[in-house]
Amino acid sequence: MYEFNYHRPTSLAEASKLLAGAADGKFVAGGQTLLPTLKQRLAAPSDLIDLGGIAELQGIKVDGGSVSIGAGTRHGVVAKSAEVAKAIPALAKLAGGIGDAQVRNMGTIGGSLANNDPAADYPAAVLGLNATIHTNKRTIAADDYFKGMFETALEDGEIIVKVSFPIPKRAGYVKFPNPASRYVMVGAMVAETASGIRVAINGAAPCVFRHKEMEAALAKSFSADALKGIKTDPKTMNNDIHASAEYRAHLVGVIAKRAVLAAG
């Protein structure tokens, strides 16, 4: 690693002030992406601003038909939350399947969403469940948040404070994980929400996306059979050493059907 200054603020205001005063500051939450990048000397920030000590970024609250999760809440906490498991079982299952125990005990929902890795789990939950992302400056609807590979609607210095998930009528999440890393090769969150059917596909393409053709089919008949014959264009899929674009396109249909079954 290169040398850097380390800060651990206790409030959002202090964190913002530290970032503004740094030559090239970076926020760090769980550090699951940033720390390996630093170890490989692919990044050299002047300052690291640790958000882990900010109390208002922590915690889970179920109230008024929604589940609110603080941006600094660890994956493992979400996975083990009885409140989340009761309100949105698919969300608890998703959190429990992220990486391994070490990752779940360090990684945070806010860090995952700020990074927007194509192979991350939480983007599918946010988009599929029609969640709202609350920052220190504004609120951002799920459909407006994800912009591309590692790209979001967040502005420089903007901090995710919490994510609120409307409780769906039913939802299911299934993923095909890489056997070694447990990252998502193809995943699907299928949900029947107050605003209609939503199908979010992650891992398959450069960015999580809604599969509108599947949504239309499921709106007519919420069953796995409704997805028969629906194809996904391989040209829009990722193509790498882990899986070809054609294989991922095929998996989209397979995994989406399983997600419908998981939703019940």
C-alpha atoms as a PDB file:
ATOM      1  CA  MET A   1       0.000   0.000   0.000  1.00  0.00           C
ATOM      2  CA  TYR A   2       0.947   3.626  -0.428  1.00  0.00           C
ATOM      3  CA  GLU A   3       0.870   5.897   2.607  1.00  0.00           C
ATOM      4  CA  PHE A   4      -2.374   7.654   3.475  1.00  0.00           C
ATOM      5  CA  ASN A   5      -3.988   9.545   6.326  1.00  0.00           C
ATOM      6  CA  TYR A   6      -6.674   7.608   8.222  1.00  0.00           C
ATOM      7  CA  HIS A   7      -9.746   9.288   9.734  1.00  0.00           C
ATOM      8  CA  ARG A   8     -12.690   7.861  11.688  1.00  0.00           C
ATOM      9  CA  PRO A   9     -15.412  10.524  11.943  1.00  0.00           C
ATOM     10  CA  THR A  10     -18.457  10.133  14.194  1.00  0.00           C
ATOM     11  CA  SER A  11     -20.925  12.168  12.124  1.00  0.00           C
ATOM     12  CA  LEU A  12     -21.854  12.712   8.495  1.00  0.00           C
ATOM     13  CA  ALA A  13     -20.972  16.382   8.782  1.00  0.00           C
ATOM     14  CA  GLU A  14     -17.482  15.531  10.010  1.00  0.00           C
ATOM     15  CA  ALA A  15     -17.037  12.964   7.234  1.00  0.00           C
ATOM     16  CA  SER A  16     -18.022  15.487   4.585  1.00  0.00           C
ATOM     17  CA  LYS A  17     -15.678  18.089   6.041  1.00  0.00           C
ATOM     18  CA  LEU A  18     -12.762  15.654   6.047  1.00  0.00           C
ATOM     19  CA  LEU A  19     -13.386  14.714   2.427  1.00  0.00           C
ATOM     20  CA  ALA A  20     -13.566  18.355   1.373  1.00  0.00           C
ATOM     21  CA  GLY A  21     -10.236  19.049   3.071  1.00  0.00           C
ATOM     22  CA  ALA A  22      -8.384  16.098   1.582  1.00  0.00           C
ATOM     23  CA  ALA A  23      -6.277  16.281  -1.557  1.00  0.00           C
ATOM     24  CA  ASP A  24      -7.694  12.967  -2.795  1.00  0.00           C
ATOM     25  CA  GLY A  25      -9.893  11.465  -0.113  1.00  0.00           C
ATOM     26  CA  LYS A  26     -11.926   8.272  -0.277  1.00  0.00           C
ATOM     27  CA  PHE A  27     -14.740   7.009   1.915  1.00  0.00           C
ATOM     28  CA  VAL A  28     -14.401   3.439   3.162  1.00  0.00           C
ATOM     29  CA  ALA A  29     -17.219   1.365   4.659  1.00  0.00           C
ATOM     30  CA  GLY A  30     -16.497  -2.373   4.870  1.00  0.00           C
ATOM     31  CA  GLY A  31     -13.449  -2.064   2.641  1.00  0.00           C
ATOM     32  CA  GLN A  32     -14.176  -5.231   0.675  1.00  0.00           C
ATOM     33  CA  THR A  33     -13.314  -3.557  -2.633  1.00  0.00           C
ATOM     34  CA  LEU A  34     -11.153  -0.591  -1.701  1.00  0.00           C
ATOM     35  CA  LEU A  35      -8.649  -2.374   0.544  1.00  0.00           C
ATOM     36  CA  PRO A  36      -7.668  -5.032  -2.034  1.00  0.00           C
ATOM     37  CA  THR A  37      -7.312  -2.219  -4.558  1.00  0.00           C
ATOM     38  CA  LEU A  38      -4.965  -0.398  -2.212  1.00  0.00           C
ATOM     39  CA  LYS A  39      -2.962  -3.569  -1.545  1.00  0.00           C
ATOM     40  CA  GLN A  40      -2.458  -4.003  -5.283  1.00  0.00           C
ATOM     41  CA  ARG A  41      -1.378  -0.350  -5.504  1.00  0.00           C
ATOM     42  CA  LEU A  42      -4.101   0.373  -8.045  1.00  0.00           C
ATOM     43  CA  ALA A  43      -5.233   3.377  -6.007  1.00  0.00           C
ATOM     44  CA  ALA A  44      -3.343   5.900  -3.901  1.00  0.00           C
ATOM     45  CA  PRO A  45      -5.770   8.177  -2.012  1.00  0.00           C
ATOM     46  CA  SER A  46      -4.282  10.806   0.243  1.00  0.00           C
ATOM     47  CA  ASP A  47      -6.872  10.134   2.953  1.00  0.00           C
ATOM     48  CA  LEU A  48      -9.177   7.265   3.939  1.00  0.00           C
ATOM     49  CA  ILE A  49     -12.322   8.344   5.755  1.00  0.00           C
ATOM     50  CA  ASP A  50     -13.814   5.405   7.639  1.00  0.00           C
ATOM     51  CA  LEU A  51     -17.609   5.630   7.897  1.00  0.00           C
ATOM     52  CA  GLY A  52     -17.835   2.742  10.367  1.00  0.00           C
ATOM     53  CA  GLY A  53     -18.004   4.961  13.430  1.00  0.00           C
ATOM     54  CA  ILE A  54     -21.083   6.944  12.355  1.00  0.00           C
ATOM     55  CA  ALA A  55     -24.043   5.734  14.427  1.00  0.00           C
ATOM     56  CA  GLU A  56     -26.745   7.102  12.126  1.00  0.00           C
ATOM     57  CA  LEU A  57     -25.560   4.771   9.356  1.00  0.00           C
ATOM     58  CA  GLN A  58     -26.309   1.692  11.445  1.00  0.00           C
ATOM     59  CA  GLY A  59     -29.421  -0.333  12.167  1.00  0.00           C
ATOM     60  CA  ILE A  60     -32.571  -1.895  10.768  1.00  0.00           C
ATOM     61  CA  LYS A  61     -36.118  -0.597  11.177  1.00  0.00           C
ATOM     62  CA  VAL A  62     -39.384  -2.131   9.992  1.00  0.00           C
ATOM     63  CA  ASP A  63     -42.221   0.367  10.033  1.00  0.00           C
ATOM     64  CA  GLY A  64     -45.117   1.516   7.880  1.00  0.00           C
ATOM     65  CA  GLY A  65     -44.847  -1.166   5.239  1.00  0.00           C
ATOM     66  CA  SER A  66     -41.116  -0.791   4.610  1.00  0.00           C
ATOM     67  CA  VAL A  67     -37.772  -2.071   5.808  1.00  0.00           C
ATOM     68  CA  SER A  68     -35.098   0.588   6.301  1.00  0.00           C
ATOM     69  CA  ILE A  69     -31.478  -0.503   6.538  1.00  0.00           C
ATOM     70  CA  GLY A  70     -28.672   1.851   7.513  1.00  0.00           C
ATOM     71  CA  ALA A  71     -25.918   2.087   4.926  1.00  0.00           C
ATOM     72  CA  GLY A  72     -23.281   0.911   7.395  1.00  0.00           C
ATOM     73  CA  THR A  73     -25.180  -2.235   8.358  1.00  0.00           C
ATOM     74  CA  ARG A  74     -23.167  -5.403   7.718  1.00  0.00           C
ATOM     75  CA  HIS A  75     -24.462  -8.121   5.419  1.00  0.00           C
ATOM     76  CA  GLY A  76     -24.391 -10.606   8.270  1.00  0.00           C
ATOM     77  CA  VAL A  77     -26.609  -8.406  10.420  1.00  0.00           C
ATOM     78  CA  VAL A  78     -29.219  -8.220   7.672  1.00  0.00           C
ATOM     79  CA  ALA A  79     -29.017 -11.976   7.089  1.00  0.00           C
ATOM     80  CA  LYS A  80     -29.589 -12.754  10.782  1.00  0.00           C
ATOM     81  CA  SER A  81     -32.305 -10.146  11.363  1.00  0.00           C
ATOM     82  CA  ALA A  82     -35.582 -11.756  12.410  1.00  0.00           C
ATOM     83  CA  GLU A  83     -37.410  -8.566  11.381  1.00  0.00           C
ATOM     84  CA  VAL A  84     -36.024  -8.675   7.839  1.00  0.00           C
ATOM     85  CA  ALA A  85     -36.667 -12.414   7.552  1.00  0.00           C
ATOM     86  CA  LYS A  86     -40.307 -11.886   8.515  1.00  0.00           C
ATOM     87  CA  ALA A  87     -40.945  -8.825   6.345  1.00  0.00           C
ATOM     88  CA  ILE A  88     -38.895  -9.700   3.226  1.00  0.00           C
ATOM     89  CA  PRO A  89     -37.532 -13.260   3.422  1.00  0.00           C
ATOM     90  CA  ALA A  90     -35.885 -12.919  -0.001  1.00  0.00           C
ATOM     91  CA  LEU A  91     -33.800  -9.980   1.242  1.00  0.00           C
ATOM     92  CA  ALA A  92     -32.538 -11.906   4.270  1.00  0.00           C
ATOM     93  CA  LYS A  93     -31.699 -14.868   2.026  1.00  0.00           C
ATOM     94  CA  LEU A  94     -29.825 -12.606  -0.392  1.00  0.00           C
ATOM     95  CA  ALA A  95     -27.737 -11.096   2.410  1.00  0.00           C
ATOM     96  CA  GLY A  96     -26.967 -14.536   3.805  1.00  0.00           C
ATOM     97  CA  GLY A  97     -25.570 -15.677   0.479  1.00  0.00           C
ATOM     98  CA  ILE A  98     -23.125 -12.826  -0.088  1.00  0.00           C
ATOM     99  CA  GLY A  99     -19.510 -13.994  -0.316  1.00  0.00           C
ATOM    100  CA  ASP A 100     -18.381 -15.935   2.745  1.00  0.00           C
ATOM    101  CA  ALA A 101     -18.605 -15.386   6.493  1.00  0.00           C
ATOM    102  CA  GLN A 102     -15.673 -12.965   6.504  1.00  0.00           C
ATOM    103  CA  VAL A 103     -17.198 -10.828   3.761  1.00  0.00           C
ATOM    104  CA  ARG A 104     -20.630 -10.853   5.416  1.00  0.00           C
ATOM    105  CA  ASN A 105     -19.111  -9.719   8.715  1.00  0.00           C
ATOM    106  CA  MET A 106     -17.303  -6.767   7.134  1.00  0.00           C
ATOM    107  CA  GLY A 107     -19.149  -5.713   3.984  1.00  0.00           C
ATOM    108  CA  THR A 108     -21.967  -3.158   4.157  1.00  0.00           C
ATOM    109  CA  ILE A 109     -25.051  -2.520   2.075  1.00  0.00           C
ATOM    110  CA  GLY A 110     -24.045   1.094   1.468  1.00  0.00           C
ATOM    111  CA  GLY A 111     -20.567   0.144   0.309  1.00  0.00           C
ATOM    112  CA  SER A 112     -21.955  -2.471  -2.058  1.00  0.00           C
ATOM    113  CA  LEU A 113     -24.402  -0.044  -3.635  1.00  0.00           C
ATOM    114  CA  ALA A 114     -21.886   2.805  -3.899  1.00  0.00           C
ATOM    115  CA  ASN A 115     -19.481   0.483  -5.724  1.00  0.00           C
ATOM    116  CA  ASN A 116     -22.148  -1.132  -7.949  1.00  0.00           C
ATOM    117  CA  ASP A 117     -20.076  -4.135  -8.950  1.00  0.00           C
ATOM    118  CA  PRO A 118     -21.884  -6.065 -11.725  1.00  0.00           C
ATOM    119  CA  ALA A 119     -21.418  -9.257  -9.694  1.00  0.00           C
ATOM    120  CA  ALA A 120     -22.805  -7.840  -6.425  1.00  0.00           C
ATOM    121  CA  ASP A 121     -26.051  -9.094  -4.866  1.00  0.00           C
ATOM    122  CA  TYR A 122     -27.612  -5.970  -3.345  1.00  0.00           C
ATOM    123  CA  PRO A 123     -28.219  -4.109  -6.634  1.00  0.00           C
ATOM    124  CA  ALA A 124     -30.719  -6.827  -7.601  1.00  0.00           C
ATOM    125  CA  ALA A 125     -32.532  -6.373  -4.284  1.00  0.00           C
ATOM    126  CA  VAL A 126     -32.716  -2.599  -4.642  1.00  0.00           C
ATOM    127  CA  LEU A 127     -33.911  -2.661  -8.247  1.00  0.00           C
ATOM    128  CA  GLY A 128     -36.165  -5.700  -7.914  1.00  0.00           C
ATOM    129  CA  LEU A 129     -37.893  -4.502  -4.759  1.00  0.00           C
ATOM    130  CA  ASN A 130     -38.191  -0.896  -5.977  1.00  0.00           C
ATOM    131  CA  ALA A 131     -36.212   0.481  -3.057  1.00  0.00           C
ATOM    132  CA  THR A 132     -35.273   4.091  -2.382  1.00  0.00           C
ATOM    133  CA  ILE A 133     -31.721   5.170  -1.623  1.00  0.00           C
ATOM    134  CA  HIS A 134     -31.415   7.993   0.905  1.00  0.00           C
ATOM    135  CA  THR A 135     -28.226  10.047   0.895  1.00  0.00           C
ATOM    136  CA  ASN A 136     -27.001  12.993   2.941  1.00  0.00           C
ATOM    137  CA  LYS A 137     -28.342  15.230   0.159  1.00  0.00           C
ATOM    138  CA  ARG A 138     -31.470  13.621  -1.386  1.00  0.00           C
ATOM    139  CA  THR A 139     -33.448  10.459  -2.139  1.00  0.00           C
ATOM    140  CA  ILE A 140     -32.903   8.416  -5.307  1.00  0.00           C
ATOM    141  CA  ALA A 141     -35.369   5.910  -6.754  1.00  0.00           C
ATOM    142  CA  ALA A 142     -33.960   2.513  -7.690  1.00  0.00           C
ATOM    143  CA  ASP A 143     -34.787   3.011 -11.374  1.00  0.00           C
ATOM    144  CA  ASP A 144     -32.708   6.207 -11.403  1.00  0.00           C
ATOM    145  CA  TYR A 145     -29.732   4.988  -9.388  1.00  0.00           C
ATOM    146  CA  PHE A 146     -27.828   2.387 -11.438  1.00  0.00           C
ATOM    147  CA  LYS A 147     -26.118   3.937 -14.449  1.00  0.00           C
ATOM    148  CA  GLY A 148     -23.577   1.374 -15.688  1.00  0.00           C
ATOM    149  CA  MET A 149     -20.616  -0.773 -14.657  1.00  0.00           C
ATOM    150  CA  PHE A 150     -19.342   0.637 -11.349  1.00  0.00           C
ATOM    151  CA  GLU A 151     -21.380   3.760 -12.094  1.00  0.00           C
ATOM    152  CA  THR A 152     -24.253   5.225 -10.068  1.00  0.00           C
ATOM    153  CA  ALA A 153     -26.204   8.453  -9.708  1.00  0.00           C
ATOM    154  CA  LEU A 154     -24.144   9.429  -6.655  1.00  0.00           C
ATOM    155  CA  GLU A 155     -22.373  12.759  -6.905  1.00  0.00           C
ATOM    156  CA  ASP A 156     -18.877  13.473  -5.592  1.00  0.00           C
ATOM    157  CA  GLY A 157     -18.928  13.495  -1.817  1.00  0.00           C
ATOM    158  CA  GLU A 158     -22.466  12.115  -1.568  1.00  0.00           C
ATOM    159  CA  ILE A 159     -22.945   9.517   1.169  1.00  0.00           C
ATOM    160  CA  ILE A 160     -25.613   6.813   1.257  1.00  0.00           C
ATOM    161  CA  VAL A 161     -27.352   7.027   4.639  1.00  0.00           C
ATOM    162  CA  LYS A 162     -29.960   4.272   4.373  1.00  0.00           C
ATOM    163  CA  VAL A 163     -31.983   2.183   1.953  1.00  0.00           C
ATOM    164  CA  SER A 164     -35.737   1.713   2.339  1.00  0.00           C
ATOM    165  CA  PHE A 165     -37.394  -1.373   0.838  1.00  0.00           C
ATOM    166  CA  PRO A 166     -41.191  -1.441   0.424  1.00  0.00           C
ATOM    167  CA  ILE A 167     -42.459  -4.787   1.712  1.00  0.00           C
ATOM    168  CA  PRO A 168     -43.593  -6.740  -1.381  1.00  0.00           C
ATOM    169  CA  LYS A 169     -46.536  -9.088  -1.674  1.00  0.00           C
ATOM    170  CA  ARG A 170     -43.990 -11.789  -2.488  1.00  0.00           C
ATOM    171  CA  ALA A 171     -40.430 -11.982  -3.707  1.00  0.00           C
ATOM    172  CA  GLY A 172     -37.727 -14.507  -4.504  1.00  0.00           C
ATOM    173  CA  TYR A 173     -34.000 -14.260  -5.110  1.00  0.00           C
ATOM    174  CA  VAL A 174     -31.852 -16.944  -6.710  1.00  0.00           C
ATOM    175  CA  LYS A 175     -28.301 -16.708  -8.001  1.00  0.00           C
ATOM    176  CA  PHE A 176     -25.794 -18.896  -9.802  1.00  0.00           C
ATOM    177  CA  PRO A 177     -22.567 -18.124  -7.935  1.00  0.00           C
ATOM    178  CA  ASN A 178     -19.011 -18.477  -9.124  1.00  0.00           C
ATOM    179  CA  PRO A 179     -17.820 -21.641  -7.329  1.00  0.00           C
ATOM    180  CA  ALA A 180     -14.603 -19.983  -6.154  1.00  0.00           C
ATOM    181  CA  SER A 181     -15.473 -16.380  -5.307  1.00  0.00           C
ATOM    182  CA  ARG A 182     -19.236 -16.748  -4.654  1.00  0.00           C
ATOM    183  CA  TYR A 183     -19.756 -13.630  -6.757  1.00  0.00           C
ATOM    184  CA  VAL A 184     -22.912 -13.660  -8.859  1.00  0.00           C
ATOM    185  CA  MET A 185     -22.532 -14.990 -12.384  1.00  0.00           C
ATOM    186  CA  VAL A 186     -26.279 -14.601 -12.947  1.00  0.00           C
ATOM    187  CA  GLY A 187     -28.911 -13.707 -10.368  1.00  0.00           C
ATOM    188  CA  ALA A 188     -32.568 -12.719 -10.372  1.00  0.00           C
ATOM    189  CA  MET A 189     -34.803 -10.924  -7.894  1.00  0.00           C
ATOM    190  CA  VAL A 190     -38.447 -11.403  -8.838  1.00  0.00           C
ATOM    191  CA  ALA A 191     -41.016  -9.448  -6.838  1.00  0.00           C
ATOM    192  CA  GLU A 192     -44.685  -8.637  -6.865  1.00  0.00           C
ATOM    193  CA  THR A 193     -44.769  -5.122  -5.496  1.00  0.00           C
ATOM    194  CA  ALA A 194     -47.488  -2.533  -4.970  1.00  0.00           C
ATOM    195  CA  SER A 195     -46.406  -0.953  -8.267  1.00  0.00           C
ATOM    196  CA  GLY A 196     -46.410  -4.219 -10.216  1.00  0.00           C
ATOM    197  CA  ILE A 197     -44.107  -7.095 -11.117  1.00  0.00           C
ATOM    198  CA  ARG A 198     -40.379  -6.399 -11.156  1.00  0.00           C
ATOM    199  CA  VAL A 199     -37.591  -8.656 -12.389  1.00  0.00           C
ATOM    200  CA  ALA A 200     -34.027  -7.511 -11.710  1.00  0.00           C
ATOM    201  CA  ILE A 201     -31.120  -9.403 -13.249  1.00  0.00           C
ATOM    202  CA  ASN A 202     -27.605  -9.048 -11.819  1.00  0.00           C
ATOM    203  CA  GLY A 203     -24.249 -10.576 -12.679  1.00  0.00           C
ATOM    204  CA  ALA A 204     -25.182 -11.257 -16.289  1.00  0.00           C
ATOM    205  CA  ALA A 205     -24.580  -7.812 -17.805  1.00  0.00           C
ATOM    206  CA  PRO A 206     -22.294  -4.832 -17.112  1.00  0.00           C
ATOM    207  CA  CYS A 207     -24.992  -3.411 -14.811  1.00  0.00           C
ATOM    208  CA  VAL A 208     -28.055  -4.747 -13.030  1.00  0.00           C
ATOM    209  CA  PHE A 209     -31.157  -4.333 -15.196  1.00  0.00           C
ATOM    210  CA  ARG A 210     -34.906  -4.939 -15.273  1.00  0.00           C
ATOM    211  CA  HIS A 211     -36.114  -7.635 -17.666  1.00  0.00           C
ATOM    212  CA  LYS A 212     -39.236  -5.948 -19.009  1.00  0.00           C
ATOM    213  CA  GLU A 213     -40.348  -8.868 -21.185  1.00  0.00           C
ATOM    214  CA  MET A 214     -40.341 -11.181 -18.183  1.00  0.00           C
ATOM    215  CA  GLU A 215     -42.194  -8.601 -16.112  1.00  0.00           C
ATOM    216  CA  ALA A 216     -44.939  -8.385 -18.708  1.00  0.00           C
ATOM    217  CA  ALA A 217     -45.277 -12.168 -18.879  1.00  0.00           C
ATOM    218  CA  LEU A 218     -45.422 -12.555 -15.097  1.00  0.00           C
ATOM    219  CA  ALA A 219     -48.001  -9.774 -14.813  1.00  0.00           C
ATOM    220  CA  LYS A 220     -50.349 -11.989 -16.828  1.00  0.00           C
ATOM    221  CA  SER A 221     -49.468 -15.204 -15.010  1.00  0.00           C
ATOM    222  CA  PHE A 222     -47.137 -15.333 -12.027  1.00  0.00           C
ATOM    223  CA  SER A 223     -45.633 -18.719 -12.756  1.00  0.00           C
ATOM    224  CA  ALA A 224     -42.362 -20.133 -14.000  1.00  0.00           C
ATOM    225  CA  ASP A 225     -44.162 -21.462 -17.067  1.00  0.00           C
ATOM    226  CA  ALA A 226     -44.971 -17.875 -18.076  1.00  0.00           C
ATOM    227  CA  LEU A 227     -41.273 -17.344 -18.802  1.00  0.00           C
ATOM    228  CA  LYS A 228     -40.980 -20.214 -21.271  1.00  0.00           C
ATOM    229  CA  GLY A 229     -39.734 -19.065 -24.656  1.00  0.00           C
ATOM    230  CA  ILE A 230     -38.456 -15.684 -23.421  1.00  0.00           C
ATOM    231  CA  LYS A 231     -34.917 -15.142 -24.681  1.00  0.00           C
ATOM    232  CA  THR A 232     -32.205 -12.749 -23.555  1.00  0.00           C
ATOM    233  CA  ASP A 233     -29.886 -11.186 -26.130  1.00  0.00           C
ATOM    234  CA  PRO A 234     -26.315 -12.490 -25.611  1.00  0.00           C
ATOM    235  CA  LYS A 235     -24.951  -9.282 -27.133  1.00  0.00           C
ATOM    236  CA  THR A 236     -25.926  -7.451 -23.936  1.00  0.00           C
ATOM    237  CA  MET A 237     -24.281  -9.988 -21.608  1.00  0.00           C
ATOM    238  CA  ASN A 238     -20.847 -10.124 -20.003  1.00  0.00           C
ATOM    239  CA  ASN A 239     -18.314 -12.369 -21.732  1.00  0.00           C
ATOM    240  CA  ASP A 240     -15.274 -13.360 -19.658  1.00  0.00           C
ATOM    241  CA  ILE A 241     -13.186 -16.245 -18.371  1.00  0.00           C
ATOM    242  CA  HIS A 242     -15.979 -17.306 -16.023  1.00  0.00           C
ATOM    243  CA  ALA A 243     -18.781 -17.664 -18.567  1.00  0.00           C
ATOM    244  CA  SER A 244     -19.566 -16.811 -22.165  1.00  0.00           C
ATOM    245  CA  ALA A 245     -22.234 -14.288 -23.098  1.00  0.00           C
ATOM    246  CA  GLU A 246     -24.355 -17.077 -24.591  1.00  0.00           C
ATOM    247  CA  TYR A 247     -24.151 -19.128 -21.399  1.00  0.00           C
ATOM    248  CA  ARG A 248     -25.117 -16.156 -19.259  1.00  0.00           C
ATOM    249  CA  ALA A 249     -28.048 -15.363 -21.564  1.00  0.00           C
ATOM    250  CA  HIS A 250     -29.266 -18.943 -21.120  1.00  0.00           C
ATOM    251  CA  LEU A 251     -28.813 -18.767 -17.347  1.00  0.00           C
ATOM    252  CA  VAL A 252     -30.964 -15.635 -17.130  1.00  0.00           C
ATOM    253  CA  GLY A 253     -34.008 -17.680 -18.127  1.00  0.00           C
ATOM    254  CA  VAL A 254     -33.131 -20.593 -15.853  1.00  0.00           C
ATOM    255  CA  ILE A 255     -32.420 -18.472 -12.781  1.00  0.00           C
ATOM    256  CA  ALA A 256     -35.451 -16.214 -13.294  1.00  0.00           C
ATOM    257  CA  LYS A 257     -37.752 -19.260 -13.321  1.00  0.00           C
ATOM    258  CA  ARG A 258     -36.181 -20.474 -10.091  1.00  0.00           C
ATOM    259  CA  ALA A 259     -36.677 -17.043  -8.545  1.00  0.00           C
ATOM    260  CA  VAL A 260     -40.377 -17.144  -9.433  1.00  0.00           C
ATOM    261  CA  LEU A 261     -40.659 -20.524  -7.731  1.00  0.00           C
ATOM    262  CA  ALA A 262     -38.769 -19.166  -4.702  1.00  0.00           C
ATOM    263  CA  ALA A 263     -41.249 -16.290  -4.503  1.00  0.00           C
ATOM    264  CA  GLY A 264     -44.073 -18.800  -4.251  1.00  0.00           C
END
